[in-house]
């Protein structure tokens, strides 16, 4: 049982090269625009801040409260009755044990945060405003030069 490949029109290299050359020229032009450059750096800062806050703020805190809450069968009284003796033991322990406990919690928080940060960067990549502007421009460029472009790109 052999299948034949679908009949497609071959893409002419000069047409594709013209598309990418025009896109490259447009990106070079808009990189000089101060408003877009300012928007790019603002969006980079917002993107990084959002990723760090989610990864180090929300997820470790959520996991730290959610897992004990599940283990306590969603009963806050059981959870509090388990944690109060542990907290009293922590307060009554010597400073070396307290420092070790705090460093262990800090390492756990940082490791969970870094794991989520890596996955967050992979799952939600940064979308540059330059690329967005180029996409919009190239859509209009394609419509203007539709008769010169191949069917599928």
N, C-alpha and C. Protein backbone atom coordinates (compact mmCIF):
# COMPACT_ATOMS: atom_id res chain seq x y z
N UNK A 1 0.85 -1.16 0.00
CA UNK A 1 0.00 0.00 0.00
C UNK A 1 0.90 1.23 0.00
N UNK A 2 0.98 1.91 -1.09
CA UNK A 2 1.79 3.12 -1.19
C UNK A 2 0.87 4.31 -1.35
N UNK A 3 1.26 5.37 -0.75
CA UNK A 3 0.49 6.59 -0.88
C UNK A 3 1.29 7.58 -1.70
N UNK A 4 0.62 8.29 -2.54
CA UNK A 4 1.30 9.28 -3.34
C UNK A 4 1.25 10.61 -2.61
N UNK A 5 2.33 11.35 -2.67
CA UNK A 5 2.31 12.65 -2.00
C UNK A 5 1.34 13.59 -2.69
N UNK A 6 0.74 14.48 -1.93
CA UNK A 6 -0.22 15.42 -2.53
C UNK A 6 0.50 16.31 -3.54
N UNK A 7 -0.23 16.67 -4.57
CA UNK A 7 0.33 17.52 -5.61
C UNK A 7 0.36 18.96 -5.11
N UNK A 8 1.55 19.47 -4.96
CA UNK A 8 1.70 20.86 -4.51
C UNK A 8 2.56 21.60 -5.51
N UNK A 9 2.32 22.85 -5.58
CA UNK A 9 3.10 23.69 -6.48
C UNK A 9 4.44 23.97 -5.80
N UNK A 10 5.54 23.76 -6.51
CA UNK A 10 6.83 24.04 -5.88
C UNK A 10 6.99 25.53 -5.60
N UNK A 11 7.61 25.83 -4.47
CA UNK A 11 7.80 27.21 -4.07
C UNK A 11 9.04 27.74 -4.77
N UNK A 12 8.88 28.84 -5.44
CA UNK A 12 10.02 29.45 -6.12
C UNK A 12 10.87 30.19 -5.10
N UNK A 13 12.15 29.92 -5.11
CA UNK A 13 13.06 30.51 -4.14
C UNK A 13 13.12 32.03 -4.21
N UNK A 14 13.09 32.65 -5.40
CA UNK A 14 13.14 34.12 -5.42
C UNK A 14 11.96 34.78 -4.72
N UNK A 15 10.77 34.15 -4.81
CA UNK A 15 9.60 34.73 -4.16
C UNK A 15 9.72 34.66 -2.64
N UNK A 16 10.20 33.53 -2.16
CA UNK A 16 10.39 33.38 -0.71
C UNK A 16 11.51 34.29 -0.24
N UNK A 17 12.57 34.37 -1.02
CA UNK A 17 13.68 35.25 -0.66
C UNK A 17 13.23 36.70 -0.61
N UNK A 18 12.34 37.09 -1.51
CA UNK A 18 11.83 38.46 -1.50
C UNK A 18 11.04 38.74 -0.23
N UNK A 19 10.26 37.77 0.19
CA UNK A 19 9.48 37.92 1.43
C UNK A 19 10.41 38.15 2.61
N UNK A 20 11.39 37.26 2.76
CA UNK A 20 12.28 37.36 3.92
C UNK A 20 13.21 38.56 3.83
N UNK A 21 13.59 38.96 2.63
CA UNK A 21 14.41 40.17 2.48
C UNK A 21 13.62 41.40 2.88
N UNK A 22 12.35 41.45 2.47
CA UNK A 22 11.50 42.59 2.86
C UNK A 22 11.26 42.61 4.37
N UNK A 23 11.06 41.44 4.95
CA UNK A 23 10.86 41.37 6.41
C UNK A 23 12.11 41.83 7.14
N UNK A 24 13.27 41.40 6.67
CA UNK A 24 14.53 41.81 7.29
C UNK A 24 14.74 43.32 7.17
N UNK A 25 14.44 43.88 5.99
CA UNK A 25 14.56 45.33 5.79
C UNK A 25 13.61 46.09 6.72
N UNK A 26 12.37 45.59 6.84
CA UNK A 26 11.40 46.26 7.71
C UNK A 26 11.85 46.19 9.16
N UNK A 27 12.36 45.04 9.61
CA UNK A 27 12.84 44.93 10.99
C UNK A 27 14.00 45.88 11.24
N UNK A 28 14.89 46.03 10.27
CA UNK A 28 16.00 46.98 10.43
C UNK A 28 15.48 48.41 10.55
N UNK A 29 14.44 48.74 9.78
CA UNK A 29 13.87 50.09 9.85
C UNK A 29 13.20 50.36 11.19
N UNK A 30 12.40 49.39 11.67
CA UNK A 30 11.64 49.68 12.90
C UNK A 30 12.50 49.57 14.15
N UNK A 31 13.65 48.93 14.07
CA UNK A 31 14.54 48.90 15.25
C UNK A 31 15.08 50.28 15.58
N UNK A 32 15.01 51.20 14.64
CA UNK A 32 15.49 52.57 14.86
C UNK A 32 14.41 53.48 15.44
N UNK A 33 13.18 53.01 15.51
CA UNK A 33 12.07 53.83 16.02
C UNK A 33 12.12 53.83 17.55
N UNK A 34 12.28 55.01 18.18
CA UNK A 34 12.42 55.04 19.65
C UNK A 34 11.20 54.52 20.41
N UNK A 35 9.99 54.75 19.90
CA UNK A 35 8.79 54.30 20.61
C UNK A 35 8.74 52.78 20.67
N UNK A 36 9.08 52.14 19.56
CA UNK A 36 9.05 50.67 19.55
C UNK A 36 10.19 50.11 20.39
N UNK A 37 11.36 50.77 20.36
CA UNK A 37 12.46 50.33 21.19
C UNK A 37 12.10 50.44 22.68
N UNK A 38 11.45 51.55 23.05
CA UNK A 38 11.01 51.73 24.44
C UNK A 38 9.97 50.67 24.81
N UNK A 39 9.03 50.40 23.90
CA UNK A 39 8.02 49.38 24.15
C UNK A 39 8.66 47.99 24.28
N UNK A 40 9.70 47.72 23.47
CA UNK A 40 10.41 46.45 23.54
C UNK A 40 11.01 46.25 24.93
N UNK A 41 11.74 47.25 25.43
CA UNK A 41 12.38 47.10 26.74
C UNK A 41 11.37 47.05 27.87
N UNK A 42 10.26 47.79 27.73
CA UNK A 42 9.20 47.72 28.75
C UNK A 42 8.57 46.33 28.77
N UNK A 43 8.33 45.75 27.58
CA UNK A 43 7.73 44.42 27.53
C UNK A 43 8.70 43.34 28.00
N UNK A 44 9.99 43.52 27.76
CA UNK A 44 10.99 42.59 28.30
C UNK A 44 10.95 42.62 29.82
N UNK A 45 10.94 43.82 30.39
CA UNK A 45 10.91 43.95 31.85
C UNK A 45 9.62 43.36 32.43
N UNK A 46 8.49 43.64 31.81
CA UNK A 46 7.22 43.09 32.30
C UNK A 46 7.21 41.57 32.18
N UNK A 47 7.70 41.05 31.07
CA UNK A 47 7.75 39.60 30.86
C UNK A 47 8.61 38.93 31.94
N UNK A 48 9.81 39.46 32.16
CA UNK A 48 10.70 38.87 33.17
C UNK A 48 10.11 38.98 34.57
N UNK A 49 9.54 40.15 34.89
CA UNK A 49 8.93 40.32 36.21
C UNK A 49 7.77 39.35 36.41
N UNK A 50 6.94 39.21 35.40
CA UNK A 50 5.80 38.29 35.51
C UNK A 50 6.26 36.85 35.69
N UNK A 51 7.27 36.43 34.91
CA UNK A 51 7.77 35.06 35.03
C UNK A 51 8.37 34.82 36.41
N UNK A 52 9.15 35.78 36.91
CA UNK A 52 9.79 35.60 38.23
C UNK A 52 8.74 35.61 39.34
N UNK A 53 7.77 36.51 39.26
CA UNK A 53 6.73 36.55 40.30
C UNK A 53 5.91 35.27 40.32
N UNK A 54 5.53 34.75 39.14
CA UNK A 54 4.79 33.51 39.11
C UNK A 54 5.62 32.35 39.65
N UNK A 55 6.88 32.30 39.21
CA UNK A 55 7.71 31.14 39.55
C UNK A 55 8.16 31.14 41.00
N UNK A 56 8.49 32.31 41.55
CA UNK A 56 9.00 32.36 42.92
C UNK A 56 7.96 32.85 43.92
N UNK A 57 6.90 33.46 43.45
CA UNK A 57 5.88 33.96 44.36
C UNK A 57 4.69 33.04 44.47
N UNK A 58 4.07 32.75 43.35
CA UNK A 58 2.82 32.01 43.41
C UNK A 58 3.04 30.51 43.61
N UNK A 59 3.82 29.88 42.74
CA UNK A 59 3.90 28.42 42.76
C UNK A 59 4.48 27.84 44.05
N UNK A 60 5.60 28.34 44.57
CA UNK A 60 6.10 27.76 45.84
C UNK A 60 5.13 27.98 47.01
N UNK A 61 4.52 29.17 47.05
CA UNK A 61 3.57 29.45 48.13
C UNK A 61 2.34 28.56 47.98
N UNK A 62 1.86 28.42 46.76
CA UNK A 62 0.70 27.57 46.51
C UNK A 62 1.00 26.13 46.91
N UNK A 63 2.15 25.61 46.51
CA UNK A 63 2.52 24.24 46.84
C UNK A 63 2.70 24.08 48.35
N UNK A 64 3.30 25.09 49.00
CA UNK A 64 3.53 25.01 50.45
C UNK A 64 2.23 24.95 51.23
N UNK A 65 1.18 25.56 50.72
CA UNK A 65 -0.10 25.52 51.43
C UNK A 65 -1.02 24.43 50.89
N UNK A 66 -0.95 24.14 49.61
CA UNK A 66 -1.87 23.19 49.02
C UNK A 66 -1.56 21.75 49.44
N UNK A 67 -0.31 21.35 49.40
CA UNK A 67 0.03 19.96 49.75
C UNK A 67 -0.34 19.64 51.20
N UNK A 68 0.02 20.48 52.19
CA UNK A 68 -0.45 20.17 53.55
C UNK A 68 -1.97 20.20 53.69
N UNK A 69 -2.61 21.08 52.94
CA UNK A 69 -4.07 21.16 52.99
C UNK A 69 -4.70 19.88 52.46
N UNK A 70 -4.14 19.32 51.39
CA UNK A 70 -4.62 18.05 50.84
C UNK A 70 -4.35 16.92 51.82
N UNK A 71 -3.14 16.90 52.38
CA UNK A 71 -2.79 15.85 53.32
C UNK A 71 -3.64 15.90 54.59
N UNK A 72 -4.15 17.08 54.92
CA UNK A 72 -5.04 17.23 56.08
C UNK A 72 -6.49 17.00 55.69
N UNK A 73 -6.72 16.45 54.51
CA UNK A 73 -8.07 16.15 54.01
C UNK A 73 -8.94 17.40 53.95
N UNK A 74 -8.34 18.51 53.55
CA UNK A 74 -9.03 19.79 53.39
C UNK A 74 -9.68 20.27 54.69
N UNK A 75 -9.08 19.90 55.80
CA UNK A 75 -9.59 20.30 57.10
C UNK A 75 -8.55 21.22 57.76
N UNK A 76 -8.81 22.51 57.84
CA UNK A 76 -7.83 23.43 58.41
C UNK A 76 -7.56 23.18 59.90
N UNK A 77 -8.50 22.62 60.62
CA UNK A 77 -8.29 22.33 62.04
C UNK A 77 -7.23 21.24 62.19
N UNK A 78 -7.30 20.21 61.37
CA UNK A 78 -6.31 19.14 61.40
C UNK A 78 -4.95 19.71 61.01
N UNK A 79 -4.92 20.56 59.99
CA UNK A 79 -3.67 21.14 59.54
C UNK A 79 -3.05 22.00 60.64
N UNK A 80 -3.86 22.82 61.30
CA UNK A 80 -3.34 23.66 62.38
C UNK A 80 -2.87 22.83 63.56
N UNK A 81 -3.61 21.76 63.90
CA UNK A 81 -3.20 20.93 65.03
C UNK A 81 -1.91 20.18 64.75
N UNK A 82 -1.59 19.94 63.46
CA UNK A 82 -0.31 19.31 63.11
C UNK A 82 0.83 20.32 63.09
N UNK A 83 0.55 21.54 62.67
CA UNK A 83 1.61 22.53 62.52
C UNK A 83 1.95 23.28 63.80
N UNK A 84 1.01 23.44 64.70
CA UNK A 84 1.29 24.19 65.94
C UNK A 84 2.38 23.52 66.76
N UNK A 85 2.36 22.19 66.98
CA UNK A 85 3.49 21.59 67.71
C UNK A 85 4.83 21.73 66.98
N UNK A 86 4.81 21.65 65.64
CA UNK A 86 6.06 21.83 64.89
C UNK A 86 6.59 23.25 65.03
N UNK A 87 5.69 24.24 65.02
CA UNK A 87 6.11 25.63 65.19
C UNK A 87 6.63 25.89 66.60
N UNK A 88 5.99 25.29 67.62
CA UNK A 88 6.47 25.44 68.99
C UNK A 88 7.85 24.80 69.16
N UNK A 89 8.04 23.64 68.54
CA UNK A 89 9.35 22.98 68.58
C UNK A 89 10.41 23.84 67.89
N UNK A 90 10.04 24.48 66.77
CA UNK A 90 10.98 25.35 66.07
C UNK A 90 11.37 26.54 66.94
N UNK A 91 10.38 27.17 67.59
CA UNK A 91 10.66 28.35 68.43
C UNK A 91 11.51 27.97 69.64
N UNK A 92 11.28 26.78 70.21
CA UNK A 92 12.01 26.36 71.40
C UNK A 92 13.38 25.75 71.09
N UNK A 93 13.69 25.52 69.82
CA UNK A 93 14.98 24.90 69.48
C UNK A 93 16.10 25.94 69.53
N UNK A 94 17.34 25.42 69.49
CA UNK A 94 18.49 26.33 69.56
C UNK A 94 18.67 27.04 68.21
N UNK A 95 19.44 28.12 68.16
CA UNK A 95 19.60 28.91 66.94
C UNK A 95 20.19 28.12 65.77
N UNK A 96 21.04 27.15 66.04
CA UNK A 96 21.63 26.37 64.96
C UNK A 96 20.57 25.54 64.23
N UNK A 97 19.67 24.93 64.99
CA UNK A 97 18.58 24.16 64.39
C UNK A 97 17.63 25.09 63.63
N UNK A 98 17.36 26.26 64.19
CA UNK A 98 16.50 27.22 63.50
C UNK A 98 17.13 27.67 62.18
N UNK A 99 18.43 27.93 62.19
CA UNK A 99 19.11 28.36 60.98
C UNK A 99 19.09 27.26 59.93
N UNK A 100 19.31 26.03 60.37
CA UNK A 100 19.27 24.90 59.43
C UNK A 100 17.88 24.73 58.83
N UNK A 101 16.86 24.86 59.65
CA UNK A 101 15.48 24.75 59.16
C UNK A 101 15.16 25.85 58.16
N UNK A 102 15.55 27.09 58.49
CA UNK A 102 15.28 28.20 57.58
C UNK A 102 16.05 28.06 56.27
N UNK A 103 17.31 27.59 56.34
CA UNK A 103 18.07 27.41 55.09
C UNK A 103 17.47 26.27 54.25
N UNK A 104 16.98 25.23 54.90
CA UNK A 104 16.33 24.14 54.16
C UNK A 104 15.06 24.64 53.46
N UNK A 105 14.27 25.44 54.17
CA UNK A 105 13.05 26.00 53.56
C UNK A 105 13.40 26.95 52.42
N UNK A 106 14.46 27.73 52.58
CA UNK A 106 14.88 28.65 51.52
C UNK A 106 15.35 27.88 50.28
N UNK A 107 16.12 26.82 50.49
CA UNK A 107 16.58 26.00 49.37
C UNK A 107 15.40 25.33 48.67
N UNK A 108 14.43 24.85 49.44
CA UNK A 108 13.25 24.22 48.85
C UNK A 108 12.45 25.25 48.03
N UNK A 109 12.27 26.45 48.59
CA UNK A 109 11.54 27.51 47.90
C UNK A 109 12.26 27.89 46.60
N UNK A 110 13.58 28.06 46.67
CA UNK A 110 14.35 28.45 45.48
C UNK A 110 14.35 27.35 44.42
N UNK A 111 14.47 26.09 44.85
CA UNK A 111 14.50 25.01 43.86
C UNK A 111 13.15 24.88 43.16
N UNK A 112 12.06 24.98 43.89
CA UNK A 112 10.74 24.94 43.26
C UNK A 112 10.58 26.14 42.32
N UNK A 113 11.02 27.30 42.77
CA UNK A 113 10.94 28.50 41.93
C UNK A 113 11.73 28.37 40.65
N UNK A 114 12.97 27.87 40.73
CA UNK A 114 13.78 27.72 39.53
C UNK A 114 13.21 26.68 38.57
N UNK A 115 12.67 25.60 39.10
CA UNK A 115 12.05 24.60 38.23
C UNK A 115 10.88 25.21 37.47
N UNK A 116 10.02 25.92 38.18
CA UNK A 116 8.89 26.55 37.52
C UNK A 116 9.34 27.67 36.59
N UNK A 117 10.43 28.37 36.92
CA UNK A 117 10.94 29.43 36.05
C UNK A 117 11.40 28.86 34.71
N UNK A 118 12.11 27.75 34.76
CA UNK A 118 12.58 27.12 33.51
C UNK A 118 11.39 26.68 32.67
N UNK A 119 10.43 26.00 33.28
CA UNK A 119 9.26 25.57 32.53
C UNK A 119 8.44 26.76 32.03
N UNK A 120 8.38 27.82 32.82
CA UNK A 120 7.64 29.00 32.41
C UNK A 120 8.27 29.66 31.20
N UNK A 121 9.61 29.74 31.18
CA UNK A 121 10.30 30.30 30.01
C UNK A 121 10.07 29.45 28.77
N UNK A 122 10.04 28.13 28.95
CA UNK A 122 9.83 27.24 27.81
C UNK A 122 8.39 27.31 27.31
N UNK A 123 7.43 27.30 28.24
CA UNK A 123 6.02 27.26 27.84
C UNK A 123 5.47 28.61 27.37
N UNK A 124 6.05 29.71 27.87
CA UNK A 124 5.57 31.03 27.46
C UNK A 124 6.75 31.87 26.98
N UNK A 125 7.19 31.64 25.76
CA UNK A 125 8.34 32.41 25.26
C UNK A 125 7.97 33.88 25.05
N UNK A 126 9.00 34.70 25.05
CA UNK A 126 8.81 36.14 24.88
C UNK A 126 8.42 36.44 23.44
N UNK A 127 7.43 37.27 23.27
CA UNK A 127 6.99 37.69 21.93
C UNK A 127 7.39 39.15 21.77
N UNK A 128 8.35 39.37 20.90
CA UNK A 128 8.90 40.71 20.69
C UNK A 128 7.91 41.61 19.97
N UNK A 129 7.80 42.87 20.38
CA UNK A 129 6.95 43.80 19.63
C UNK A 129 7.47 44.04 18.22
N UNK A 130 8.78 43.88 18.02
CA UNK A 130 9.33 43.99 16.67
C UNK A 130 8.75 42.90 15.77
N UNK A 131 8.69 41.69 16.27
CA UNK A 131 8.14 40.59 15.48
C UNK A 131 6.66 40.79 15.21
N UNK A 132 5.93 41.30 16.20
CA UNK A 132 4.52 41.57 16.00
C UNK A 132 4.32 42.62 14.90
N UNK A 133 5.07 43.72 15.00
CA UNK A 133 4.97 44.77 13.98
C UNK A 133 5.35 44.22 12.61
N UNK A 134 6.38 43.39 12.55
CA UNK A 134 6.80 42.81 11.27
C UNK A 134 5.72 41.87 10.72
N UNK A 135 5.08 41.10 11.58
CA UNK A 135 4.00 40.21 11.13
C UNK A 135 2.85 41.01 10.52
N UNK A 136 2.47 42.10 11.18
CA UNK A 136 1.38 42.94 10.67
C UNK A 136 1.78 43.54 9.33
N UNK A 137 2.98 44.06 9.26
CA UNK A 137 3.46 44.66 8.01
C UNK A 137 3.53 43.63 6.89
N UNK A 138 4.01 42.44 7.20
CA UNK A 138 4.17 41.43 6.16
C UNK A 138 2.82 40.90 5.67
N UNK A 139 1.81 40.91 6.53
CA UNK A 139 0.48 40.53 6.07
C UNK A 139 -0.02 41.52 5.01
N UNK A 140 0.18 42.79 5.28
CA UNK A 140 -0.24 43.79 4.29
C UNK A 140 0.65 43.72 3.05
N UNK A 141 1.92 43.46 3.24
CA UNK A 141 2.84 43.32 2.10
C UNK A 141 2.44 42.14 1.23
N UNK A 142 2.04 41.03 1.87
CA UNK A 142 1.58 39.86 1.11
C UNK A 142 0.34 40.19 0.28
N UNK A 143 -0.59 40.96 0.86
CA UNK A 143 -1.80 41.31 0.13
C UNK A 143 -1.47 42.21 -1.06
N UNK A 144 -0.53 43.12 -0.89
CA UNK A 144 -0.14 43.99 -1.99
C UNK A 144 0.60 43.23 -3.09
N UNK A 145 1.37 42.22 -2.70
CA UNK A 145 2.18 41.47 -3.65
C UNK A 145 1.65 40.04 -3.80
N UNK A 146 0.36 39.87 -3.67
CA UNK A 146 -0.24 38.53 -3.67
C UNK A 146 0.03 37.78 -4.97
N UNK A 147 -0.01 38.44 -6.08
CA UNK A 147 0.17 37.75 -7.36
C UNK A 147 1.62 37.29 -7.56
N UNK A 148 2.55 37.84 -6.79
CA UNK A 148 3.96 37.45 -6.94
C UNK A 148 4.38 36.37 -5.97
N UNK A 149 3.53 36.05 -4.96
CA UNK A 149 3.91 35.10 -3.93
C UNK A 149 3.37 33.70 -4.22
N UNK A 150 4.01 32.66 -3.69
CA UNK A 150 3.48 31.30 -3.86
C UNK A 150 2.22 31.11 -3.03
N UNK A 151 1.50 30.00 -3.29
CA UNK A 151 0.23 29.74 -2.61
C UNK A 151 0.41 29.55 -1.12
N UNK A 152 1.37 28.75 -0.68
CA UNK A 152 1.57 28.44 0.74
C UNK A 152 2.97 28.88 1.14
N UNK A 153 3.03 29.49 2.31
CA UNK A 153 4.34 29.86 2.84
C UNK A 153 4.46 29.30 4.23
